Amino acid sequence: MNGPERAQAVPAPLNQSQERALAITLRLLEERISTIRDLMEHEDGGVLYHRPRPAFTPGQSARIDRLIAGIHDVIASIAEAFVLPREERDPRGMIVALLAMSWQSIGEMDARGMHAYGDTDPRLGEVLDPHVRRLMGLVLELEAAVAAEAAVAVPGEDAVPGEDAVPG
């Protein structure tokens, strides 16, 4: 292995707060590396954005892969040396948190919130606010659906309101 040799696992010479801070920082780095890997490998898009795969040369891709592997190796060495616990991450909780942040941001985009960006047309609330309220409601419904405990499927209960009106 390049760099420091892996240390023998021994009780970490850290207090509980230091251990927690180190573990959280390294977990965040691992998650960010995972996000970077996704960004490198997958194109994505929606109505208002497009994110293509980055154009790297084969040499750049190989170097990036080596660097990412090196980062993982160092994280593993630190985790082993300090006996850092592996944390099980609940994807539902992460999704709910993202939706909660989005709900708040959407709510700030109604006609009143738009005043922060300058004078608004008096008719803006009539046009924008119903859409903002509907979007906020859908985000709350999505949050509830994600947060709900898994249950036995009942025919027809998984239908999304208005789905039957969408031409197939």
N, C-alpha and C. Protein backbone atom coordinates (compact mmCIF):
# COMPACT_ATOMS: atom_id res chain seq x y z
N MET A 1 0.84 -1.19 0.00
CA MET A 1 0.00 0.00 0.00
C MET A 1 0.88 1.25 0.00
N ASN A 2 0.50 2.26 -0.78
CA ASN A 2 1.23 3.53 -0.77
C ASN A 2 0.85 4.29 0.49
N GLY A 3 1.77 5.05 1.03
CA GLY A 3 1.48 5.85 2.21
C GLY A 3 1.70 5.06 3.48
N PRO A 4 1.13 5.54 4.59
CA PRO A 4 1.37 4.90 5.87
C PRO A 4 0.84 3.47 5.89
N GLU A 5 1.59 2.61 6.56
CA GLU A 5 1.14 1.23 6.70
C GLU A 5 -0.09 1.21 7.60
N ARG A 6 -0.95 0.23 7.37
CA ARG A 6 -2.13 0.10 8.23
C ARG A 6 -1.70 -0.22 9.65
N ALA A 7 -2.24 0.51 10.58
CA ALA A 7 -1.89 0.32 11.99
C ALA A 7 -2.70 -0.84 12.56
N GLN A 8 -2.15 -1.44 13.57
CA GLN A 8 -2.86 -2.48 14.30
C GLN A 8 -4.08 -1.81 14.96
N ALA A 9 -5.27 -2.45 14.90
CA ALA A 9 -6.45 -1.88 15.51
C ALA A 9 -6.30 -1.88 17.03
N VAL A 10 -6.34 -0.71 17.62
CA VAL A 10 -6.26 -0.55 19.06
C VAL A 10 -7.30 0.47 19.46
N PRO A 11 -7.72 0.46 20.73
CA PRO A 11 -8.66 1.50 21.13
C PRO A 11 -8.10 2.87 20.76
N ALA A 12 -8.93 3.68 20.13
CA ALA A 12 -8.49 4.97 19.63
C ALA A 12 -8.11 5.91 20.76
N PRO A 13 -6.98 6.62 20.61
CA PRO A 13 -6.57 7.59 21.63
C PRO A 13 -7.33 8.91 21.45
N LEU A 14 -8.63 8.82 21.26
CA LEU A 14 -9.47 10.00 21.07
C LEU A 14 -10.57 9.97 22.12
N ASN A 15 -11.03 11.14 22.53
CA ASN A 15 -12.21 11.14 23.39
C ASN A 15 -13.43 10.95 22.50
N GLN A 16 -14.59 10.78 23.10
CA GLN A 16 -15.80 10.46 22.34
C GLN A 16 -16.15 11.54 21.33
N SER A 17 -16.02 12.80 21.71
CA SER A 17 -16.34 13.90 20.79
C SER A 17 -15.37 13.93 19.61
N GLN A 18 -14.09 13.70 19.87
CA GLN A 18 -13.10 13.68 18.80
C GLN A 18 -13.37 12.51 17.85
N GLU A 19 -13.68 11.36 18.41
CA GLU A 19 -13.97 10.19 17.57
C GLU A 19 -15.18 10.46 16.69
N ARG A 20 -16.23 11.02 17.28
CA ARG A 20 -17.45 11.32 16.52
C ARG A 20 -17.15 12.32 15.40
N ALA A 21 -16.40 13.38 15.71
CA ALA A 21 -16.08 14.39 14.70
C ALA A 21 -15.27 13.78 13.56
N LEU A 22 -14.29 12.96 13.89
CA LEU A 22 -13.47 12.32 12.86
C LEU A 22 -14.32 11.40 11.99
N ALA A 23 -15.15 10.59 12.63
CA ALA A 23 -16.00 9.65 11.89
C ALA A 23 -16.97 10.39 10.98
N ILE A 24 -17.60 11.44 11.47
CA ILE A 24 -18.56 12.21 10.67
C ILE A 24 -17.85 12.84 9.47
N THR A 25 -16.70 13.43 9.69
CA THR A 25 -15.96 14.07 8.61
C THR A 25 -15.59 13.07 7.52
N LEU A 26 -15.12 11.90 7.94
CA LEU A 26 -14.74 10.88 6.95
C LEU A 26 -15.96 10.31 6.24
N ARG A 27 -17.07 10.13 6.95
CA ARG A 27 -18.30 9.66 6.30
C ARG A 27 -18.77 10.66 5.25
N LEU A 28 -18.72 11.95 5.60
CA LEU A 28 -19.12 12.98 4.64
C LEU A 28 -18.23 12.94 3.40
N LEU A 29 -16.93 12.76 3.60
CA LEU A 29 -16.02 12.66 2.46
C LEU A 29 -16.38 11.44 1.61
N GLU A 30 -16.66 10.30 2.26
CA GLU A 30 -17.05 9.12 1.50
C GLU A 30 -18.32 9.36 0.70
N GLU A 31 -19.31 10.02 1.31
CA GLU A 31 -20.55 10.31 0.60
C GLU A 31 -20.30 11.25 -0.57
N ARG A 32 -19.46 12.24 -0.36
CA ARG A 32 -19.15 13.18 -1.45
C ARG A 32 -18.41 12.48 -2.59
N ILE A 33 -17.53 11.57 -2.26
CA ILE A 33 -16.83 10.80 -3.29
C ILE A 33 -17.83 9.95 -4.06
N SER A 34 -18.80 9.37 -3.36
CA SER A 34 -19.84 8.59 -4.02
C SER A 34 -20.66 9.47 -4.97
N THR A 35 -20.97 10.68 -4.53
CA THR A 35 -21.70 11.63 -5.37
C THR A 35 -20.86 12.01 -6.59
N ILE A 36 -19.59 12.24 -6.37
CA ILE A 36 -18.69 12.57 -7.49
C ILE A 36 -18.67 11.43 -8.50
N ARG A 37 -18.58 10.21 -8.00
CA ARG A 37 -18.58 9.03 -8.88
C ARG A 37 -19.88 8.99 -9.70
N ASP A 38 -21.02 9.24 -9.05
CA ASP A 38 -22.30 9.28 -9.77
C ASP A 38 -22.30 10.38 -10.84
N LEU A 39 -21.78 11.55 -10.48
CA LEU A 39 -21.73 12.66 -11.44
C LEU A 39 -20.86 12.31 -12.64
N MET A 40 -19.80 11.56 -12.39
CA MET A 40 -18.89 11.18 -13.47
C MET A 40 -19.49 10.12 -14.39
N GLU A 41 -20.35 9.26 -13.83
CA GLU A 41 -20.82 8.10 -14.58
C GLU A 41 -22.20 8.25 -15.18
N HIS A 42 -23.01 9.19 -14.70
CA HIS A 42 -24.39 9.27 -15.15
C HIS A 42 -24.79 10.67 -15.58
N GLU A 43 -25.43 10.73 -16.69
CA GLU A 43 -26.06 11.96 -17.16
C GLU A 43 -27.40 12.06 -16.45
N ASP A 44 -27.90 13.25 -16.25
CA ASP A 44 -29.17 13.42 -15.56
C ASP A 44 -29.85 14.66 -16.12
N GLY A 45 -31.13 14.76 -15.91
CA GLY A 45 -31.83 15.94 -16.37
C GLY A 45 -33.28 15.95 -15.93
N GLY A 46 -33.86 17.11 -16.03
CA GLY A 46 -35.25 17.32 -15.69
C GLY A 46 -35.81 18.37 -16.62
N VAL A 47 -36.89 19.00 -16.21
CA VAL A 47 -37.53 20.03 -17.01
C VAL A 47 -36.63 21.27 -17.11
N LEU A 48 -36.00 21.65 -16.01
CA LEU A 48 -35.26 22.91 -15.96
C LEU A 48 -33.74 22.75 -15.89
N TYR A 49 -33.25 21.53 -16.01
CA TYR A 49 -31.80 21.38 -15.99
C TYR A 49 -31.38 20.15 -16.79
N HIS A 50 -30.14 20.18 -17.22
CA HIS A 50 -29.50 19.02 -17.85
C HIS A 50 -28.09 18.95 -17.32
N ARG A 51 -27.71 17.77 -16.87
CA ARG A 51 -26.35 17.56 -16.38
C ARG A 51 -25.74 16.42 -17.18
N PRO A 52 -24.89 16.77 -18.16
CA PRO A 52 -24.24 15.71 -18.94
C PRO A 52 -23.12 15.06 -18.14
N ARG A 53 -22.68 13.92 -18.63
CA ARG A 53 -21.48 13.32 -18.04
C ARG A 53 -20.30 14.22 -18.38
N PRO A 54 -19.37 14.39 -17.46
CA PRO A 54 -18.21 15.23 -17.78
C PRO A 54 -17.34 14.55 -18.84
N ALA A 55 -16.74 15.37 -19.66
CA ALA A 55 -15.87 14.86 -20.73
C ALA A 55 -14.44 14.81 -20.22
N PHE A 56 -14.01 13.62 -19.78
CA PHE A 56 -12.64 13.42 -19.35
C PHE A 56 -11.93 12.57 -20.37
N THR A 57 -10.65 12.83 -20.53
CA THR A 57 -9.85 11.97 -21.39
C THR A 57 -9.66 10.64 -20.66
N PRO A 58 -9.30 9.57 -21.36
CA PRO A 58 -9.02 8.31 -20.67
C PRO A 58 -7.94 8.47 -19.59
N GLY A 59 -6.95 9.28 -19.86
CA GLY A 59 -5.90 9.52 -18.87
C GLY A 59 -6.43 10.22 -17.63
N GLN A 60 -7.28 11.23 -17.83
CA GLN A 60 -7.89 11.92 -16.68
C GLN A 60 -8.74 10.95 -15.87
N SER A 61 -9.55 10.16 -16.56
CA SER A 61 -10.41 9.19 -15.86
C SER A 61 -9.59 8.20 -15.04
N ALA A 62 -8.51 7.72 -15.61
CA ALA A 62 -7.65 6.77 -14.89
C ALA A 62 -7.04 7.44 -13.66
N ARG A 63 -6.59 8.67 -13.80
CA ARG A 63 -5.99 9.39 -12.66
C ARG A 63 -7.03 9.63 -11.58
N ILE A 64 -8.22 10.06 -11.98
CA ILE A 64 -9.30 10.29 -11.02
C ILE A 64 -9.63 8.99 -10.28
N ASP A 65 -9.72 7.88 -11.02
CA ASP A 65 -10.00 6.58 -10.39
C ASP A 65 -8.93 6.23 -9.36
N ARG A 66 -7.65 6.46 -9.70
CA ARG A 66 -6.56 6.17 -8.77
C ARG A 66 -6.64 7.05 -7.52
N LEU A 67 -6.95 8.32 -7.72
CA LEU A 67 -7.05 9.24 -6.59
C LEU A 67 -8.22 8.86 -5.67
N ILE A 68 -9.34 8.50 -6.26
CA ILE A 68 -10.49 8.07 -5.46
C ILE A 68 -10.15 6.81 -4.68
N ALA A 69 -9.49 5.87 -5.32
CA ALA A 69 -9.07 4.65 -4.63
C ALA A 69 -8.11 4.99 -3.48
N GLY A 70 -7.23 5.95 -3.71
CA GLY A 70 -6.30 6.38 -2.66
C GLY A 70 -7.04 7.00 -1.48
N ILE A 71 -8.05 7.80 -1.77
CA ILE A 71 -8.85 8.41 -0.70
C ILE A 71 -9.54 7.32 0.11
N HIS A 72 -10.13 6.35 -0.57
CA HIS A 72 -10.78 5.24 0.14
C HIS A 72 -9.78 4.47 1.00
N ASP A 73 -8.58 4.25 0.48
CA ASP A 73 -7.56 3.53 1.25
C ASP A 73 -7.17 4.29 2.53
N VAL A 74 -7.01 5.59 2.42
CA VAL A 74 -6.65 6.39 3.60
C VAL A 74 -7.80 6.39 4.60
N ILE A 75 -9.02 6.53 4.12
CA ILE A 75 -10.17 6.48 5.03
C ILE A 75 -10.21 5.14 5.76
N ALA A 76 -9.99 4.06 5.02
CA ALA A 76 -9.98 2.72 5.64
C ALA A 76 -8.86 2.61 6.68
N SER A 77 -7.71 3.16 6.39
CA SER A 77 -6.59 3.12 7.34
C SER A 77 -6.92 3.87 8.62
N ILE A 78 -7.50 5.04 8.46
CA ILE A 78 -7.86 5.85 9.63
C ILE A 78 -8.94 5.13 10.44
N ALA A 79 -9.96 4.61 9.74
CA ALA A 79 -11.05 3.92 10.43
C ALA A 79 -10.52 2.72 11.21
N GLU A 80 -9.60 2.00 10.62
CA GLU A 80 -9.01 0.83 11.30
C GLU A 80 -8.15 1.26 12.49
N ALA A 81 -7.32 2.26 12.28
CA ALA A 81 -6.40 2.69 13.33
C ALA A 81 -7.15 3.25 14.54
N PHE A 82 -8.26 3.93 14.31
CA PHE A 82 -9.00 4.55 15.40
C PHE A 82 -10.27 3.80 15.76
N VAL A 83 -10.44 2.62 15.17
CA VAL A 83 -11.58 1.75 15.46
C VAL A 83 -12.89 2.54 15.34
N LEU A 84 -13.04 3.22 14.20
CA LEU A 84 -14.24 4.02 13.98
C LEU A 84 -15.40 3.11 13.58
N PRO A 85 -16.57 3.34 14.17
CA PRO A 85 -17.70 2.49 13.86
C PRO A 85 -18.30 2.81 12.49
N ARG A 86 -18.81 1.78 11.86
CA ARG A 86 -19.52 1.97 10.60
C ARG A 86 -20.96 2.30 10.93
N GLU A 87 -21.51 3.31 10.29
CA GLU A 87 -22.87 3.76 10.57
C GLU A 87 -23.81 3.32 9.46
N GLU A 88 -24.93 2.80 9.86
CA GLU A 88 -25.98 2.45 8.90
C GLU A 88 -26.76 3.72 8.60
N ARG A 89 -26.82 4.11 7.33
CA ARG A 89 -27.51 5.35 6.94
C ARG A 89 -28.90 5.01 6.44
N ASP A 90 -29.91 5.67 6.98
CA ASP A 90 -31.30 5.44 6.60
C ASP A 90 -31.64 6.32 5.40
N PRO A 91 -31.81 5.73 4.22
CA PRO A 91 -32.10 6.56 3.05
C PRO A 91 -33.44 7.30 3.16
N ARG A 92 -34.40 6.71 3.87
CA ARG A 92 -35.68 7.41 4.04
C ARG A 92 -35.46 8.73 4.77
N GLY A 93 -34.69 8.70 5.85
CA GLY A 93 -34.44 9.92 6.61
C GLY A 93 -33.73 10.97 5.76
N MET A 94 -32.81 10.52 4.94
CA MET A 94 -32.09 11.46 4.07
C MET A 94 -33.04 12.08 3.03
N ILE A 95 -33.93 11.25 2.48
CA ILE A 95 -34.90 11.74 1.49
C ILE A 95 -35.85 12.73 2.14
N VAL A 96 -36.35 12.40 3.33
CA VAL A 96 -37.27 13.30 4.05
C VAL A 96 -36.59 14.64 4.33
N ALA A 97 -35.33 14.61 4.73
CA ALA A 97 -34.60 15.86 5.00
C ALA A 97 -34.47 16.71 3.72
N LEU A 98 -34.15 16.06 2.60
CA LEU A 98 -34.04 16.81 1.34
C LEU A 98 -35.39 17.42 0.95
N LEU A 99 -36.45 16.65 1.12
CA LEU A 99 -37.78 17.16 0.78
C LEU A 99 -38.19 18.32 1.70
N ALA A 100 -37.85 18.23 2.98
CA ALA A 100 -38.18 19.31 3.92
C ALA A 100 -37.47 20.61 3.51
N MET A 101 -36.22 20.50 3.12
CA MET A 101 -35.49 21.70 2.67
C MET A 101 -36.11 22.25 1.39
N SER A 102 -36.51 21.36 0.49
CA SER A 102 -37.13 21.81 -0.76
C SER A 102 -38.48 22.47 -0.50
N TRP A 103 -39.27 21.90 0.42
CA TRP A 103 -40.57 22.44 0.75
C TRP A 103 -40.42 23.88 1.24
N GLN A 104 -39.45 24.11 2.11
CA GLN A 104 -39.23 25.45 2.65
C GLN A 104 -38.84 26.42 1.53
N SER A 105 -37.93 26.00 0.66
CA SER A 105 -37.49 26.87 -0.44
C SER A 105 -38.63 27.20 -1.39
N ILE A 106 -39.45 26.21 -1.70
CA ILE A 106 -40.60 26.43 -2.59
C ILE A 106 -41.54 27.45 -1.97
N GLY A 107 -41.78 27.32 -0.67
CA GLY A 107 -42.69 28.24 0.02
C GLY A 107 -42.23 29.68 -0.03
N GLU A 108 -40.96 29.90 -0.16
CA GLU A 108 -40.42 31.25 -0.24
C GLU A 108 -40.53 31.84 -1.65
N MET A 109 -41.04 31.07 -2.59
CA MET A 109 -41.15 31.54 -3.97
C MET A 109 -42.56 31.96 -4.34
N ASP A 110 -43.44 32.17 -3.34
CA ASP A 110 -44.77 32.69 -3.65
C ASP A 110 -44.64 34.19 -3.95
N ALA A 111 -45.76 34.82 -4.27
CA ALA A 111 -45.71 36.24 -4.66
C ALA A 111 -45.11 37.11 -3.56
N ARG A 112 -45.47 36.83 -2.29
CA ARG A 112 -44.88 37.62 -1.20
C ARG A 112 -43.38 37.44 -1.14
N GLY A 113 -42.91 36.21 -1.28
CA GLY A 113 -41.48 35.93 -1.22
C GLY A 113 -40.72 36.55 -2.37
N MET A 114 -41.37 36.68 -3.50
CA MET A 114 -40.71 37.26 -4.68
C MET A 114 -40.43 38.75 -4.50
N HIS A 115 -41.09 39.39 -3.55
CA HIS A 115 -40.81 40.81 -3.26
C HIS A 115 -39.36 41.00 -2.83
N ALA A 116 -38.75 39.99 -2.27
CA ALA A 116 -37.35 40.10 -1.86
C ALA A 116 -36.43 40.34 -3.05
N TYR A 117 -36.90 40.02 -4.23
CA TYR A 117 -36.08 40.15 -5.44
C TYR A 117 -36.46 41.37 -6.27
N GLY A 118 -37.37 42.18 -5.76
CA GLY A 118 -37.78 43.39 -6.47
C GLY A 118 -39.29 43.52 -6.52
N ASP A 119 -39.73 44.64 -7.07
CA ASP A 119 -41.16 44.88 -7.19
C ASP A 119 -41.80 43.79 -8.04
N THR A 120 -43.04 43.44 -7.69
CA THR A 120 -43.74 42.39 -8.43
C THR A 120 -45.01 42.94 -9.05
N ASP A 121 -45.42 42.30 -10.10
CA ASP A 121 -46.69 42.62 -10.76
C ASP A 121 -47.81 42.27 -9.79
N PRO A 122 -48.83 43.11 -9.66
CA PRO A 122 -49.92 42.84 -8.73
C PRO A 122 -50.65 41.52 -9.03
N ARG A 123 -50.59 41.04 -10.24
CA ARG A 123 -51.28 39.79 -10.62
C ARG A 123 -50.43 38.54 -10.36
N LEU A 124 -49.18 38.71 -9.90
CA LEU A 124 -48.29 37.57 -9.73
C LEU A 124 -48.87 36.51 -8.80
N GLY A 125 -49.47 36.94 -7.69
CA GLY A 125 -50.04 35.99 -6.73
C GLY A 125 -51.12 35.11 -7.35
N GLU A 126 -51.94 35.70 -8.22
CA GLU A 126 -53.01 34.93 -8.87
C GLU A 126 -52.44 33.83 -9.77
N VAL A 127 -51.32 34.12 -10.39
CA VAL A 127 -50.73 33.17 -11.34
C VAL A 127 -49.80 32.18 -10.64
N LEU A 128 -48.92 32.69 -9.80
CA LEU A 128 -47.88 31.85 -9.20
C LEU A 128 -48.33 31.09 -7.96
N ASP A 129 -49.04 31.74 -7.06
CA ASP A 129 -49.33 31.14 -5.76
C ASP A 129 -50.08 29.81 -5.81
N PRO A 130 -51.06 29.62 -6.68
CA PRO A 130 -51.71 28.30 -6.73
C PRO A 130 -50.73 27.18 -7.11
N HIS A 131 -49.80 27.48 -7.98
CA HIS A 131 -48.79 26.49 -8.37
C HIS A 131 -47.84 26.19 -7.20
N VAL A 132 -47.44 27.24 -6.50
CA VAL A 132 -46.56 27.06 -5.35
C VAL A 132 -47.25 26.21 -4.28
N ARG A 133 -48.53 26.53 -3.98
CA ARG A 133 -49.27 25.75 -2.99
C ARG A 133 -49.41 24.29 -3.44
N ARG A 134 -49.70 24.06 -4.70
CA ARG A 134 -49.84 22.69 -5.20
C ARG A 134 -48.51 21.95 -5.11
N LEU A 135 -47.44 22.60 -5.49
CA LEU A 135 -46.12 21.98 -5.42
C LEU A 135 -45.75 21.66 -3.97
N MET A 136 -46.02 22.58 -3.06
CA MET A 136 -45.74 22.33 -1.64
C MET A 136 -46.55 21.15 -1.13
N GLY A 137 -47.82 21.07 -1.53
CA GLY A 137 -48.66 19.95 -1.12
C GLY A 137 -48.13 18.63 -1.64
N LEU A 138 -47.70 18.61 -2.90
CA LEU A 138 -47.16 17.38 -3.47
C LEU A 138 -45.86 16.96 -2.78
N VAL A 139 -45.03 17.94 -2.46
CA VAL A 139 -43.78 17.63 -1.76
C VAL A 139 -44.09 17.05 -0.38
N LEU A 140 -45.08 17.61 0.33
CA LEU A 140 -45.47 17.07 1.63
C LEU A 140 -46.02 15.65 1.49
N GLU A 141 -46.82 15.41 0.45
CA GLU A 141 -47.34 14.06 0.21
C GLU A 141 -46.21 13.09 -0.09
N LEU A 142 -45.24 13.53 -0.88
CA LEU A 142 -44.09 12.67 -1.19
C LEU A 142 -43.31 12.38 0.08
N GLU A 143 -43.12 13.39 0.90
CA GLU A 143 -42.41 13.21 2.17
C GLU A 143 -43.13 12.18 3.04
N ALA A 144 -44.46 12.28 3.12
CA ALA A 144 -45.23 11.33 3.93
C ALA A 144 -45.14 9.93 3.35
N ALA A 145 -45.18 9.82 2.03
CA ALA A 145 -45.10 8.51 1.38
C ALA A 145 -43.74 7.86 1.65
N VAL A 146 -42.68 8.65 1.60
CA VAL A 146 -41.33 8.12 1.86
C VAL A 146 -41.18 7.74 3.33
N ALA A 147 -41.74 8.55 4.22
CA ALA A 147 -41.57 8.32 5.65
C ALA A 147 -42.45 7.19 6.17
N ALA A 148 -43.51 6.85 5.44
CA ALA A 148 -44.44 5.82 5.90
C ALA A 148 -43.73 4.47 6.01
N GLU A 149 -44.08 3.74 7.03
CA GLU A 149 -43.54 2.39 7.20
C GLU A 149 -44.06 1.51 6.07
N ALA A 150 -43.26 0.54 5.67
CA ALA A 150 -43.68 -0.40 4.64
C ALA A 150 -44.89 -1.17 5.16
N ALA A 151 -45.89 -1.29 4.32
CA ALA A 151 -47.11 -2.01 4.69
C ALA A 151 -47.47 -2.98 3.59
N VAL A 152 -48.40 -3.85 3.88
CA VAL A 152 -48.87 -4.79 2.87
C VAL A 152 -49.58 -4.00 1.79
N ALA A 153 -49.23 -4.25 0.54
CA ALA A 153 -49.82 -3.52 -0.57
C ALA A 153 -51.30 -3.88 -0.71
N VAL A 154 -52.14 -2.86 -0.86
CA VAL A 154 -53.56 -3.03 -1.10
C VAL A 154 -53.82 -2.54 -2.51
N PRO A 155 -54.47 -3.37 -3.35
CA PRO A 155 -54.72 -2.94 -4.73
C PRO A 155 -55.38 -1.56 -4.78
N GLY A 156 -54.82 -0.71 -5.62
CA GLY A 156 -55.37 0.63 -5.82
C GLY A 156 -54.83 1.68 -4.86
N GLU A 157 -54.20 1.29 -3.74
CA GLU A 157 -53.72 2.26 -2.77
C GLU A 157 -52.44 2.95 -3.21
N ASP A 158 -51.71 2.35 -4.12
CA ASP A 158 -50.47 2.96 -4.57
C ASP A 158 -50.69 3.92 -5.72
N ALA A 159 -51.93 4.09 -6.15
CA ALA A 159 -52.21 4.97 -7.27
C ALA A 159 -51.96 6.42 -6.87
N VAL A 160 -51.39 7.17 -7.78
CA VAL A 160 -51.15 8.59 -7.57
C VAL A 160 -52.37 9.34 -8.07
N PRO A 161 -52.90 10.29 -7.28
CA PRO A 161 -54.08 11.04 -7.73
C PRO A 161 -53.84 11.65 -9.10
N GLY A 162 -54.80 11.43 -9.99
CA GLY A 162 -54.71 11.97 -11.34
C GLY A 162 -53.94 11.12 -12.31
N GLU A 163 -53.32 10.02 -11.83
CA GLU A 163 -52.54 9.18 -12.71
C GLU A 163 -53.38 8.55 -13.80
N ASP A 164 -54.64 8.19 -13.45
CA ASP A 164 -55.50 7.54 -14.42
C ASP A 164 -55.89 8.48 -15.56
N ALA A 165 -55.72 9.80 -15.36
CA ALA A 165 -56.06 10.77 -16.39
C ALA A 165 -54.93 10.98 -17.36
N VAL A 166 -53.74 10.43 -17.05
CA VAL A 166 -52.60 10.62 -17.92
C VAL A 166 -52.66 9.60 -19.06
N PRO A 167 -52.66 10.06 -20.31
CA PRO A 167 -52.71 9.10 -21.43
C PRO A 167 -51.50 8.19 -21.40
N GLY A 168 -51.72 6.94 -21.66
CA GLY A 168 -50.61 5.98 -21.61
C GLY A 168 -50.22 5.59 -22.96
